[in-house]
């Protein structure tokens, strides 16, 4: 069932005036397209250099975030060191996440 508002909208859309396109429309589009810089395909090496250049900013937040991510990756990738001579009161982060030890 159609609503009367839909019929009114259809009638308004049909009765609107459509302006014809100007005769030089195609030429204006071509002229404008020539002025815009075109994107070219990048090799993987150029793409990687561009990514590195975008993140080469002297902002401390990027340095801190990068250091935290790098430290986390290194910390979880190293195996837990088992040293019998070490002091048992010093616990490493990996000791808390070990699957064979119970959490206090």
Protein backbone atom coordinates (compact mmCIF):
# COMPACT_ATOMS: atom_id res chain seq x y z
CA UNK A 1 0.00 0.00 0.00
CA UNK A 2 1.38 3.30 -1.06
CA UNK A 3 1.27 6.26 1.19
CA UNK A 4 -0.16 9.56 -0.08
CA UNK A 5 3.18 11.21 0.80
CA UNK A 6 4.93 8.83 -1.58
CA UNK A 7 2.53 9.82 -4.36
CA UNK A 8 3.10 13.51 -3.66
CA UNK A 9 6.85 13.01 -3.73
CA UNK A 10 6.66 11.09 -7.00
CA UNK A 11 4.57 13.87 -8.54
CA UNK A 12 6.98 16.54 -7.35
CA UNK A 13 9.96 14.65 -8.75
CA UNK A 14 8.26 14.21 -12.11
CA UNK A 15 7.22 17.86 -12.32
CA UNK A 16 10.62 19.36 -11.49
CA UNK A 17 12.50 21.23 -14.15
CA UNK A 18 15.69 19.58 -15.39
CA UNK A 19 18.30 21.94 -16.73
CA UNK A 20 20.18 20.73 -19.77
CA UNK A 21 23.93 20.32 -19.45
CA UNK A 22 26.09 23.05 -20.89
CA UNK A 23 27.70 22.25 -24.24
CA UNK A 24 31.24 22.62 -22.90
CA UNK A 25 30.71 20.28 -19.94
CA UNK A 26 32.93 17.53 -21.35
CA UNK A 27 35.75 19.99 -22.02
CA UNK A 28 35.54 21.41 -18.50
CA UNK A 29 35.71 17.90 -17.01
CA UNK A 30 38.76 17.04 -19.12
CA UNK A 31 40.49 20.33 -18.24
CA UNK A 32 39.85 19.86 -14.52
CA UNK A 33 41.05 16.23 -14.65
CA UNK A 34 44.32 17.31 -16.26
CA UNK A 35 45.00 19.71 -13.39
CA UNK A 36 44.58 17.07 -10.68
CA UNK A 37 47.64 14.97 -9.84
CA UNK A 38 47.17 11.37 -10.86
CA UNK A 39 47.96 8.53 -8.49
CA UNK A 40 50.48 6.08 -9.81
CA UNK A 41 51.02 2.52 -8.71
CA UNK A 42 53.79 2.06 -6.18
CA UNK A 43 56.23 -0.79 -5.90
CA UNK A 44 56.29 -2.58 -2.53
CA UNK A 45 59.60 -0.89 -1.65
CA UNK A 46 58.24 2.60 -2.45
CA UNK A 47 55.10 1.82 -0.47
CA UNK A 48 57.18 0.77 2.56
CA UNK A 49 59.33 3.91 2.31
CA UNK A 50 56.20 6.06 2.15
CA UNK A 51 54.73 4.35 5.24
CA UNK A 52 57.98 4.92 7.15
CA UNK A 53 58.10 8.55 6.05
CA UNK A 54 54.56 9.13 7.33
CA UNK A 55 55.45 7.83 10.79
CA UNK A 56 58.75 9.71 11.01
CA UNK A 57 57.28 12.42 13.19
CA UNK A 58 58.96 13.94 16.24
CA UNK A 59 55.97 13.37 18.49
CA UNK A 60 56.70 11.78 21.86
CA UNK A 61 53.44 9.85 21.84
CA UNK A 62 54.54 7.84 18.79
CA UNK A 63 57.92 7.11 20.36
CA UNK A 64 56.31 6.00 23.63
CA UNK A 65 53.71 3.85 21.89
CA UNK A 66 56.39 2.25 19.71
CA UNK A 67 58.60 1.54 22.72
CA UNK A 68 55.70 -0.03 24.62
CA UNK A 69 54.71 -2.23 21.70
CA UNK A 70 58.31 -3.28 21.07
CA UNK A 71 58.85 -4.05 24.76
CA UNK A 72 55.67 -6.10 24.92
CA UNK A 73 56.60 -8.11 21.84
CA UNK A 74 60.12 -8.75 23.10
CA UNK A 75 58.86 -9.61 26.59
CA UNK A 76 56.39 -12.21 25.38
CA UNK A 77 58.72 -13.68 22.77
CA UNK A 78 61.53 -14.48 25.23
CA UNK A 79 61.25 -17.80 27.08
CA UNK A 80 61.08 -17.57 30.86
CA UNK A 81 64.57 -17.93 32.31
CA UNK A 82 64.91 -20.62 34.93
CA UNK A 83 67.80 -19.75 37.19
CA UNK A 84 68.18 -21.62 40.48
CA UNK A 85 70.65 -19.06 41.84
CA UNK A 86 68.28 -16.14 41.37
CA UNK A 87 66.39 -14.59 44.25
CA UNK A 88 62.86 -16.00 44.47
CA UNK A 89 61.42 -12.71 45.73
CA UNK A 90 62.01 -11.06 42.35
CA UNK A 91 59.30 -12.11 39.95
CA UNK A 92 59.29 -11.38 36.26
CA UNK A 93 56.26 -10.53 34.21
CA UNK A 94 56.44 -13.84 32.39
CA UNK A 95 56.06 -15.66 35.72
CA UNK A 96 52.58 -14.27 36.15
CA UNK A 97 51.47 -15.49 32.75
CA UNK A 98 52.99 -18.93 32.92
CA UNK A 99 50.39 -21.66 32.48
CA UNK A 100 51.85 -24.07 35.03
CA UNK A 101 51.85 -21.66 37.97
CA UNK A 102 48.80 -20.64 39.94
CA UNK A 103 48.02 -16.96 40.34
CA UNK A 104 48.01 -15.83 43.99
